[in-house]
């Protein structure tokens, strides 16, 4: 079976794809999985590390043909708020619960969860049921995100952002001035 071993990020390819896969958020975060494209091409996703694929990315097959990744629509809640401060407050509550959250224009999108829906409505936000692709933020500790194909730069997948030494960022009470 032909394998897909590399990923090209959206906007980093322009060739016509050999096939397309339509995947929900969970299926876009894989390392190894047998797949069949919408036109019937069977292949094995066989990446070195698990990668969070995004709609518009391309999987690179052993023979250099490309498979376009399309984000499948999913049942979501779109959260709308009265002003930016209200939106930030709701985003804080979602982040405090470690919920995958997509930031869009003047709102937020989360997977449908009726307990969270009640909480958000209780905080004064409007909640709309929608079907749309889900592409949440990666988070502060998500690392590189993609296992990039090497094109003019070092292998980004081997560069783990969470391992940087930030020990020089000490904060002491003497360094802060209170008014």
N, C-alpha and C. Protein backbone atom coordinates (compact mmCIF):
# COMPACT_ATOMS: atom_id res chain seq x y z
N UNK A 1 0.86 -1.19 0.00
CA UNK A 1 0.00 0.00 0.00
C UNK A 1 0.89 1.23 0.00
N UNK A 2 0.53 2.19 -0.82
CA UNK A 2 1.29 3.44 -0.89
C UNK A 2 1.12 4.20 0.43
N UNK A 3 2.17 4.92 0.83
CA UNK A 3 2.15 5.61 2.12
C UNK A 3 2.21 7.12 1.93
N UNK A 4 1.60 7.84 2.87
CA UNK A 4 1.74 9.29 2.99
C UNK A 4 2.63 9.53 4.20
N UNK A 5 3.82 10.08 3.97
CA UNK A 5 4.80 10.20 5.05
C UNK A 5 5.15 11.64 5.40
N UNK A 6 4.60 12.60 4.64
CA UNK A 6 4.92 14.01 4.89
C UNK A 6 3.65 14.84 4.77
N UNK A 7 3.71 16.05 5.32
CA UNK A 7 2.59 16.99 5.25
C UNK A 7 3.12 18.30 4.68
N UNK A 8 2.36 18.87 3.76
CA UNK A 8 2.63 20.23 3.30
C UNK A 8 1.50 21.10 3.83
N UNK A 9 1.88 22.17 4.50
CA UNK A 9 0.88 23.07 5.08
C UNK A 9 0.05 23.74 3.99
N UNK A 10 -1.15 24.15 4.41
CA UNK A 10 -2.00 24.93 3.50
C UNK A 10 -1.20 26.11 2.96
N UNK A 11 -1.43 26.48 1.75
CA UNK A 11 -0.77 27.60 1.06
C UNK A 11 0.68 27.31 0.70
N UNK A 12 1.17 26.09 0.94
CA UNK A 12 2.54 25.75 0.56
C UNK A 12 2.55 24.72 -0.57
N UNK A 13 1.43 24.61 -1.24
CA UNK A 13 1.36 23.71 -2.40
C UNK A 13 0.30 24.24 -3.35
N UNK A 14 0.49 23.96 -4.64
CA UNK A 14 -0.47 24.45 -5.64
C UNK A 14 -0.81 23.39 -6.69
N UNK A 15 -0.16 22.23 -6.62
CA UNK A 15 -0.42 21.17 -7.58
C UNK A 15 -1.84 20.64 -7.42
N UNK A 16 -2.37 20.04 -8.49
CA UNK A 16 -3.69 19.41 -8.40
C UNK A 16 -3.55 18.14 -7.55
N UNK A 17 -4.42 17.96 -6.56
CA UNK A 17 -4.31 16.76 -5.72
C UNK A 17 -4.77 15.51 -6.47
N UNK A 18 -4.14 14.37 -6.13
CA UNK A 18 -4.53 13.08 -6.71
C UNK A 18 -5.86 12.62 -6.13
N UNK A 19 -6.16 13.05 -4.90
CA UNK A 19 -7.40 12.67 -4.23
C UNK A 19 -7.59 13.61 -3.04
N UNK A 20 -8.68 13.42 -2.34
CA UNK A 20 -9.05 14.25 -1.20
C UNK A 20 -9.54 13.36 -0.07
N UNK A 21 -9.18 13.70 1.17
CA UNK A 21 -9.78 13.05 2.33
C UNK A 21 -10.54 14.11 3.13
N UNK A 22 -11.73 13.74 3.57
CA UNK A 22 -12.57 14.63 4.37
C UNK A 22 -12.58 14.07 5.78
N UNK A 23 -11.99 14.81 6.72
CA UNK A 23 -11.75 14.30 8.07
C UNK A 23 -12.28 15.27 9.13
N UNK A 24 -12.86 14.71 10.20
CA UNK A 24 -13.25 15.56 11.33
C UNK A 24 -12.01 15.89 12.15
N UNK A 25 -12.18 16.68 13.20
CA UNK A 25 -11.05 17.14 14.00
C UNK A 25 -10.25 15.98 14.58
N UNK A 26 -10.91 14.97 15.14
CA UNK A 26 -10.19 13.84 15.73
C UNK A 26 -9.38 13.08 14.68
N UNK A 27 -9.97 12.84 13.51
CA UNK A 27 -9.26 12.10 12.47
C UNK A 27 -8.17 12.92 11.81
N UNK A 28 -8.15 14.24 12.03
CA UNK A 28 -7.07 15.08 11.52
C UNK A 28 -5.88 15.12 12.48
N UNK A 29 -5.95 14.41 13.58
CA UNK A 29 -4.82 14.36 14.52
C UNK A 29 -4.39 12.91 14.68
N UNK A 30 -3.61 12.46 13.74
CA UNK A 30 -3.19 11.06 13.67
C UNK A 30 -1.73 10.97 13.30
N UNK A 31 -1.18 9.78 13.57
CA UNK A 31 0.16 9.46 13.11
C UNK A 31 0.09 8.37 12.04
N UNK A 32 -0.72 7.35 12.32
CA UNK A 32 -0.78 6.20 11.41
C UNK A 32 -2.22 5.73 11.30
N UNK A 33 -2.71 5.63 10.05
CA UNK A 33 -4.09 5.21 9.84
C UNK A 33 -4.31 4.91 8.36
N UNK A 34 -4.98 3.80 8.06
CA UNK A 34 -5.35 3.50 6.68
C UNK A 34 -6.47 4.46 6.27
N UNK A 35 -6.36 5.00 5.07
CA UNK A 35 -7.34 5.98 4.60
C UNK A 35 -7.74 5.67 3.16
N UNK A 36 -8.92 6.13 2.80
CA UNK A 36 -9.39 6.05 1.42
C UNK A 36 -9.91 7.42 1.02
N UNK A 37 -9.39 7.93 -0.08
CA UNK A 37 -9.81 9.24 -0.57
C UNK A 37 -11.21 9.20 -1.16
N UNK A 38 -11.76 10.36 -1.41
CA UNK A 38 -13.12 10.45 -1.95
C UNK A 38 -13.22 9.86 -3.35
N UNK A 39 -12.10 9.76 -4.06
CA UNK A 39 -12.08 9.16 -5.40
C UNK A 39 -11.61 7.71 -5.37
N UNK A 40 -11.43 7.15 -4.15
CA UNK A 40 -11.11 5.73 -4.02
C UNK A 40 -9.65 5.37 -3.84
N UNK A 41 -8.75 6.35 -3.81
CA UNK A 41 -7.33 6.05 -3.62
C UNK A 41 -7.09 5.59 -2.18
N UNK A 42 -6.58 4.37 -2.02
CA UNK A 42 -6.28 3.83 -0.68
C UNK A 42 -4.81 4.07 -0.38
N UNK A 43 -4.53 4.52 0.84
CA UNK A 43 -3.15 4.77 1.24
C UNK A 43 -3.05 4.65 2.75
N UNK A 44 -1.81 4.57 3.23
CA UNK A 44 -1.55 4.50 4.66
C UNK A 44 -0.93 5.81 5.10
N UNK A 45 -1.61 6.52 6.00
CA UNK A 45 -1.00 7.69 6.64
C UNK A 45 0.05 7.12 7.58
N UNK A 46 1.30 7.48 7.39
CA UNK A 46 2.40 6.88 8.16
C UNK A 46 3.43 7.96 8.48
N UNK A 47 3.05 8.85 9.40
CA UNK A 47 3.91 9.97 9.77
C UNK A 47 4.83 9.58 10.92
N UNK A 48 5.94 10.28 11.04
CA UNK A 48 6.89 10.01 12.12
C UNK A 48 6.27 10.30 13.48
N UNK A 49 5.49 11.37 13.58
CA UNK A 49 4.83 11.77 14.82
C UNK A 49 3.38 12.13 14.52
N UNK A 50 2.54 12.09 15.54
CA UNK A 50 1.15 12.54 15.37
C UNK A 50 1.18 14.02 15.00
N UNK A 51 0.33 14.39 14.06
CA UNK A 51 0.30 15.74 13.53
C UNK A 51 -1.13 16.24 13.55
N UNK A 52 -1.32 17.51 13.89
CA UNK A 52 -2.65 18.12 13.82
C UNK A 52 -2.80 18.72 12.42
N UNK A 53 -3.47 17.97 11.54
CA UNK A 53 -3.70 18.43 10.18
C UNK A 53 -4.78 19.50 10.17
N UNK A 54 -4.67 20.43 9.25
CA UNK A 54 -5.68 21.47 9.09
C UNK A 54 -6.28 21.37 7.70
N UNK A 55 -7.50 21.84 7.57
CA UNK A 55 -8.11 21.89 6.26
C UNK A 55 -7.23 22.69 5.32
N UNK A 56 -6.96 22.16 4.13
CA UNK A 56 -6.09 22.84 3.17
C UNK A 56 -4.68 22.30 3.15
N UNK A 57 -4.30 21.49 4.16
CA UNK A 57 -3.00 20.84 4.13
C UNK A 57 -3.02 19.76 3.05
N UNK A 58 -1.84 19.26 2.70
CA UNK A 58 -1.74 18.16 1.74
C UNK A 58 -0.84 17.08 2.32
N UNK A 59 -1.26 15.84 2.15
CA UNK A 59 -0.43 14.69 2.51
C UNK A 59 0.39 14.33 1.28
N UNK A 60 1.68 14.06 1.48
CA UNK A 60 2.57 13.74 0.37
C UNK A 60 2.78 12.23 0.33
N UNK A 61 2.39 11.62 -0.79
CA UNK A 61 2.54 10.18 -0.97
C UNK A 61 3.98 9.84 -1.35
N UNK A 62 4.34 8.55 -1.22
CA UNK A 62 5.68 8.09 -1.58
C UNK A 62 6.07 8.49 -3.00
N UNK A 63 5.09 8.53 -3.91
CA UNK A 63 5.38 8.87 -5.31
C UNK A 63 5.23 10.38 -5.58
N UNK A 64 5.14 11.18 -4.51
CA UNK A 64 5.04 12.65 -4.53
C UNK A 64 3.70 13.20 -4.99
N UNK A 65 2.70 12.34 -5.22
CA UNK A 65 1.36 12.87 -5.46
C UNK A 65 0.83 13.42 -4.13
N UNK A 66 -0.15 14.30 -4.22
CA UNK A 66 -0.69 14.95 -3.03
C UNK A 66 -2.13 14.53 -2.78
N UNK A 67 -2.47 14.43 -1.50
CA UNK A 67 -3.84 14.18 -1.06
C UNK A 67 -4.27 15.41 -0.27
N UNK A 68 -5.31 16.09 -0.75
CA UNK A 68 -5.79 17.29 -0.06
C UNK A 68 -6.59 16.90 1.17
N UNK A 69 -6.36 17.61 2.28
CA UNK A 69 -7.10 17.41 3.52
C UNK A 69 -8.22 18.46 3.58
N UNK A 70 -9.45 17.98 3.74
CA UNK A 70 -10.60 18.86 3.89
C UNK A 70 -11.18 18.62 5.28
N UNK A 71 -11.43 19.69 6.02
CA UNK A 71 -12.02 19.57 7.36
C UNK A 71 -13.51 19.32 7.22
N UNK A 72 -13.98 18.21 7.77
CA UNK A 72 -15.39 17.83 7.69
C UNK A 72 -16.23 18.69 8.63
N UNK A 73 -17.45 19.02 8.22
CA UNK A 73 -18.37 19.72 9.14
C UNK A 73 -18.69 18.83 10.34
N UNK A 74 -18.80 19.47 11.51
CA UNK A 74 -19.12 18.76 12.75
C UNK A 74 -20.19 19.54 13.50
N UNK A 75 -20.93 18.88 14.40
CA UNK A 75 -21.92 19.60 15.22
C UNK A 75 -21.19 20.45 16.27
N UNK A 76 -21.37 21.77 16.19
CA UNK A 76 -20.67 22.70 17.07
C UNK A 76 -21.65 23.69 17.67
N UNK A 77 -21.17 24.38 18.72
CA UNK A 77 -21.84 25.57 19.23
C UNK A 77 -21.00 26.76 18.81
N UNK A 78 -21.65 27.79 18.27
CA UNK A 78 -20.98 29.06 18.03
C UNK A 78 -21.45 30.00 19.12
N UNK A 79 -20.50 30.58 19.82
CA UNK A 79 -20.78 31.44 20.97
C UNK A 79 -20.56 32.88 20.56
N UNK A 80 -21.58 33.71 20.78
CA UNK A 80 -21.50 35.14 20.47
C UNK A 80 -21.66 35.93 21.75
N UNK A 81 -20.90 37.01 21.85
CA UNK A 81 -20.90 37.82 23.07
C UNK A 81 -21.23 39.27 22.75
N UNK A 82 -21.55 40.02 23.80
CA UNK A 82 -21.99 41.41 23.63
C UNK A 82 -20.86 42.37 23.29
N UNK A 83 -19.63 42.06 23.70
CA UNK A 83 -18.50 42.94 23.43
C UNK A 83 -17.20 42.14 23.60
N UNK A 84 -16.05 42.70 23.21
CA UNK A 84 -14.78 41.97 23.32
C UNK A 84 -14.46 41.51 24.74
N UNK A 85 -14.76 42.33 25.75
CA UNK A 85 -14.49 41.94 27.13
C UNK A 85 -15.29 40.70 27.50
N UNK A 86 -16.54 40.65 27.11
CA UNK A 86 -17.41 39.50 27.38
C UNK A 86 -16.86 38.26 26.67
N UNK A 87 -16.40 38.42 25.43
CA UNK A 87 -15.83 37.31 24.68
C UNK A 87 -14.59 36.76 25.37
N UNK A 88 -13.74 37.64 25.85
CA UNK A 88 -12.53 37.22 26.57
C UNK A 88 -12.90 36.47 27.84
N UNK A 89 -13.89 36.96 28.54
CA UNK A 89 -14.35 36.30 29.78
C UNK A 89 -14.83 34.87 29.48
N UNK A 90 -15.63 34.70 28.43
CA UNK A 90 -16.12 33.37 28.06
C UNK A 90 -14.95 32.49 27.63
N UNK A 91 -14.03 33.04 26.83
CA UNK A 91 -12.85 32.28 26.39
C UNK A 91 -12.04 31.82 27.59
N UNK A 92 -11.92 32.66 28.62
CA UNK A 92 -11.19 32.27 29.82
C UNK A 92 -11.85 31.06 30.48
N UNK A 93 -13.17 31.09 30.60
CA UNK A 93 -13.89 29.97 31.23
C UNK A 93 -13.71 28.68 30.42
N UNK A 94 -13.74 28.77 29.09
CA UNK A 94 -13.54 27.59 28.26
C UNK A 94 -12.12 27.07 28.40
N UNK A 95 -11.15 27.98 28.38
CA UNK A 95 -9.75 27.59 28.55
C UNK A 95 -9.48 26.99 29.92
N UNK A 96 -10.14 27.52 30.94
CA UNK A 96 -9.98 26.99 32.29
C UNK A 96 -10.44 25.54 32.37
N UNK A 97 -11.34 25.15 31.46
CA UNK A 97 -11.83 23.78 31.41
C UNK A 97 -11.10 22.96 30.35
N UNK A 98 -10.05 23.54 29.78
CA UNK A 98 -9.21 22.87 28.76
C UNK A 98 -10.02 22.36 27.59
N UNK A 99 -11.04 23.13 27.17
CA UNK A 99 -11.87 22.73 26.04
C UNK A 99 -11.25 23.21 24.73
N UNK A 100 -11.11 22.33 23.75
CA UNK A 100 -10.67 22.80 22.44
C UNK A 100 -11.62 23.88 21.95
N UNK A 101 -11.08 25.03 21.57
CA UNK A 101 -11.88 26.19 21.20
C UNK A 101 -11.32 26.83 19.94
N UNK A 102 -12.20 27.12 19.01
CA UNK A 102 -11.82 27.82 17.78
C UNK A 102 -12.24 29.28 17.91
N UNK A 103 -11.32 30.17 17.62
CA UNK A 103 -11.61 31.61 17.66
C UNK A 103 -11.95 32.05 16.25
N UNK A 104 -13.13 32.64 16.08
CA UNK A 104 -13.56 33.09 14.76
C UNK A 104 -14.10 34.51 14.88
N UNK A 105 -13.65 35.39 14.06
CA UNK A 105 -14.17 36.76 14.03
C UNK A 105 -14.54 37.30 15.39
N UNK A 106 -15.84 37.41 15.64
CA UNK A 106 -16.34 37.95 16.90
C UNK A 106 -16.94 36.87 17.78
N UNK A 107 -16.49 35.63 17.62
CA UNK A 107 -17.08 34.56 18.41
C UNK A 107 -16.12 33.41 18.64
N UNK A 108 -16.66 32.37 19.24
CA UNK A 108 -15.92 31.16 19.57
C UNK A 108 -16.72 29.96 19.10
N UNK A 109 -16.02 28.89 18.76
CA UNK A 109 -16.70 27.63 18.42
C UNK A 109 -16.14 26.52 19.30
N UNK A 110 -17.06 25.71 19.80
CA UNK A 110 -16.70 24.54 20.60
C UNK A 110 -17.56 23.37 20.14
N UNK A 111 -17.13 22.16 20.51
CA UNK A 111 -17.97 21.00 20.25
C UNK A 111 -19.21 21.09 21.13
N UNK A 112 -20.29 20.54 20.64
CA UNK A 112 -21.54 20.59 21.41
C UNK A 112 -21.40 19.82 22.72
N UNK A 113 -21.74 20.49 23.79
CA UNK A 113 -21.73 19.93 25.14
C UNK A 113 -22.77 20.74 25.90
N UNK A 114 -23.85 20.10 26.29
CA UNK A 114 -24.97 20.84 26.86
C UNK A 114 -24.69 21.38 28.26
N UNK A 115 -23.76 20.78 28.98
CA UNK A 115 -23.36 21.33 30.29
C UNK A 115 -22.63 22.66 30.07
N UNK A 116 -21.71 22.68 29.09
CA UNK A 116 -20.98 23.91 28.78
C UNK A 116 -21.93 24.95 28.18
N UNK A 117 -22.88 24.50 27.37
CA UNK A 117 -23.88 25.42 26.81
C UNK A 117 -24.61 26.15 27.93
N UNK A 118 -25.03 25.42 28.96
CA UNK A 118 -25.74 26.03 30.09
C UNK A 118 -24.84 27.03 30.82
N UNK A 119 -23.57 26.68 31.00
CA UNK A 119 -22.64 27.58 31.68
C UNK A 119 -22.48 28.88 30.89
N UNK A 120 -22.26 28.74 29.57
CA UNK A 120 -22.02 29.90 28.72
C UNK A 120 -23.27 30.80 28.67
N UNK A 121 -24.44 30.19 28.56
CA UNK A 121 -25.68 30.97 28.58
C UNK A 121 -25.85 31.66 29.93
N UNK A 122 -25.47 30.97 31.01
CA UNK A 122 -25.54 31.55 32.34
C UNK A 122 -24.63 32.76 32.50
N UNK A 123 -23.58 32.81 31.69
CA UNK A 123 -22.66 33.95 31.70
C UNK A 123 -23.09 35.04 30.71
N UNK A 124 -24.27 34.86 30.11
CA UNK A 124 -24.86 35.90 29.28
C UNK A 124 -24.53 35.84 27.79
N UNK A 125 -23.92 34.75 27.33
CA UNK A 125 -23.59 34.65 25.91
C UNK A 125 -24.73 34.00 25.13
N UNK A 126 -24.74 34.24 23.83
CA UNK A 126 -25.71 33.61 22.94
C UNK A 126 -25.05 32.38 22.34
N UNK A 127 -25.77 31.26 22.28
CA UNK A 127 -25.23 30.01 21.75
C UNK A 127 -26.07 29.57 20.55
N UNK A 128 -25.40 29.32 19.44
CA UNK A 128 -26.07 28.92 18.20
C UNK A 128 -25.56 27.54 17.79
N UNK A 129 -26.47 26.61 17.51
CA UNK A 129 -26.07 25.29 17.02
C UNK A 129 -25.75 25.41 15.54
N UNK A 130 -24.55 24.94 15.15
CA UNK A 130 -24.15 24.99 13.74
C UNK A 130 -23.49 23.66 13.35
N UNK A 131 -23.32 23.46 12.07
CA UNK A 131 -22.51 22.39 11.50
C UNK A 131 -21.42 23.09 10.71
N UNK A 132 -20.16 22.88 11.08
CA UNK A 132 -19.05 23.56 10.41
C UNK A 132 -17.75 22.81 10.69
N UNK A 133 -16.73 23.01 9.86
CA UNK A 133 -15.43 22.43 10.18
C UNK A 133 -14.93 22.98 11.51
N UNK A 134 -14.25 22.15 12.31
CA UNK A 134 -13.75 22.55 13.61
C UNK A 134 -12.23 22.58 13.56
N UNK A 135 -11.66 23.76 13.80
CA UNK A 135 -10.22 23.95 13.74
C UNK A 135 -9.78 24.75 14.96
N UNK A 136 -9.77 24.11 16.15
CA UNK A 136 -9.45 24.85 17.38
C UNK A 136 -8.00 25.27 17.46
N UNK A 137 -7.75 26.23 18.33
CA UNK A 137 -6.39 26.68 18.61
C UNK A 137 -5.57 25.52 19.14
N UNK A 138 -4.26 25.54 18.86
CA UNK A 138 -3.38 24.46 19.29
C UNK A 138 -3.03 24.50 20.76
N UNK A 139 -3.08 25.65 21.38
CA UNK A 139 -2.74 25.75 22.80
C UNK A 139 -1.29 26.12 23.01
N UNK A 140 -0.99 26.55 24.21
CA UNK A 140 0.35 27.04 24.54
C UNK A 140 1.41 25.95 24.48
N UNK A 141 1.03 24.72 24.71
CA UNK A 141 2.00 23.63 24.76
C UNK A 141 1.86 22.68 23.60
N UNK A 142 1.30 23.13 22.50
CA UNK A 142 1.02 22.25 21.36
C UNK A 142 2.27 21.91 20.56
N UNK A 143 3.38 22.57 20.80
CA UNK A 143 4.58 22.27 20.03
C UNK A 143 4.47 22.82 18.63
N UNK A 144 5.15 22.18 17.70
CA UNK A 144 5.21 22.65 16.33
C UNK A 144 3.92 22.49 15.57
N UNK A 145 3.10 21.51 15.93
CA UNK A 145 1.84 21.33 15.25
C UNK A 145 1.93 20.46 14.03
N UNK A 146 2.76 20.79 13.07
CA UNK A 146 2.88 20.02 11.85
C UNK A 146 4.21 19.30 11.80
N UNK A 147 4.25 18.17 11.17
CA UNK A 147 5.50 17.51 10.80
C UNK A 147 5.84 18.01 9.42
N UNK A 148 6.47 19.16 9.32
CA UNK A 148 6.66 19.84 8.05
C UNK A 148 7.60 19.07 7.14
N UNK A 149 7.30 19.16 5.86
CA UNK A 149 8.22 18.66 4.86
C UNK A 149 9.38 19.64 4.83
N UNK A 150 10.58 19.13 4.72
CA UNK A 150 11.75 20.00 4.73
C UNK A 150 11.86 20.73 3.40
N UNK A 151 11.64 22.02 3.42
CA UNK A 151 11.75 22.86 2.23
C UNK A 151 12.46 24.14 2.62
N UNK A 152 13.77 24.08 2.68
CA UNK A 152 14.53 25.29 2.95
C UNK A 152 14.66 25.65 4.42
N UNK A 153 14.18 24.81 5.32
CA UNK A 153 14.40 25.09 6.74
C UNK A 153 14.56 23.78 7.50
N UNK A 154 15.03 23.89 8.71
CA UNK A 154 15.26 22.70 9.52
C UNK A 154 13.95 21.98 9.79
N UNK A 155 14.04 20.73 10.17
CA UNK A 155 12.85 19.91 10.45
C UNK A 155 12.13 20.48 11.65
N UNK A 156 11.00 21.12 11.41
CA UNK A 156 10.25 21.80 12.46
C UNK A 156 9.67 20.83 13.47
N UNK A 157 9.34 19.61 13.04
CA UNK A 157 8.75 18.64 13.96
C UNK A 157 9.72 18.27 15.07
N UNK A 158 11.03 18.37 14.79
CA UNK A 158 12.02 18.03 15.81
C UNK A 158 12.24 19.18 16.78
N UNK A 159 11.65 20.31 16.51
CA UNK A 159 11.82 21.51 17.33
C UNK A 159 10.64 21.62 18.28
N UNK A 160 10.83 21.23 19.50
CA UNK A 160 9.74 21.20 20.48
C UNK A 160 9.71 22.50 21.25
N UNK A 161 8.69 23.31 20.99
CA UNK A 161 8.59 24.61 21.64
C UNK A 161 8.47 24.51 23.15
N UNK A 162 7.95 23.41 23.66
CA UNK A 162 7.74 23.31 25.10
C UNK A 162 9.04 23.03 25.85
N UNK A 163 10.14 22.75 25.12
CA UNK A 163 11.38 22.42 25.82
C UNK A 163 12.32 23.61 25.95
N UNK A 164 11.92 24.78 25.50
CA UNK A 164 12.78 25.95 25.65
C UNK A 164 13.03 26.23 27.12
N UNK A 165 14.23 26.69 27.42
CA UNK A 165 14.56 27.06 28.79
C UNK A 165 14.18 28.52 29.01
N UNK A 166 13.25 28.74 29.88
CA UNK A 166 12.81 30.10 30.19
C UNK A 166 13.20 30.47 31.62
N UNK A 167 14.27 29.88 32.11
CA UNK A 167 14.67 30.13 33.50
C UNK A 167 15.15 31.56 33.72
N UNK A 168 15.48 32.26 32.64
CA UNK A 168 15.93 33.64 32.80
C UNK A 168 14.76 34.61 32.95
N UNK A 169 13.55 34.11 32.98
CA UNK A 169 12.37 34.97 33.11
C UNK A 169 11.85 34.96 34.54
N UNK A 170 12.75 35.16 35.49
CA UNK A 170 12.35 35.17 36.89
C UNK A 170 11.65 36.48 37.21
N UNK A 171 10.71 36.41 38.10
CA UNK A 171 10.01 37.60 38.53
C UNK A 171 10.18 37.73 40.04
N UNK A 172 10.66 38.87 40.45
CA UNK A 172 10.86 39.12 41.87
C UNK A 172 9.98 40.29 42.29
N UNK A 173 9.56 40.27 43.52
CA UNK A 173 8.72 41.36 44.00
C UNK A 173 9.41 42.71 43.88
N UNK A 174 10.73 42.74 44.00
CA UNK A 174 11.46 44.00 43.89
C UNK A 174 11.42 44.56 42.47
N UNK A 175 11.14 43.70 41.47
CA UNK A 175 11.11 44.14 40.08
C UNK A 175 9.80 44.82 39.71
N UNK A 176 8.79 44.69 40.51
CA UNK A 176 7.48 45.24 40.18
C UNK A 176 7.20 46.49 40.98
N UNK A 177 6.61 47.45 40.34
CA UNK A 177 6.27 48.70 41.01
C UNK A 177 4.76 48.79 41.10
N UNK A 178 4.25 48.97 42.28
CA UNK A 178 2.81 49.07 42.48
C UNK A 178 2.46 50.51 42.80
N UNK A 179 1.40 50.98 42.20
CA UNK A 179 0.99 52.39 42.40
C UNK A 179 -0.21 52.46 43.27
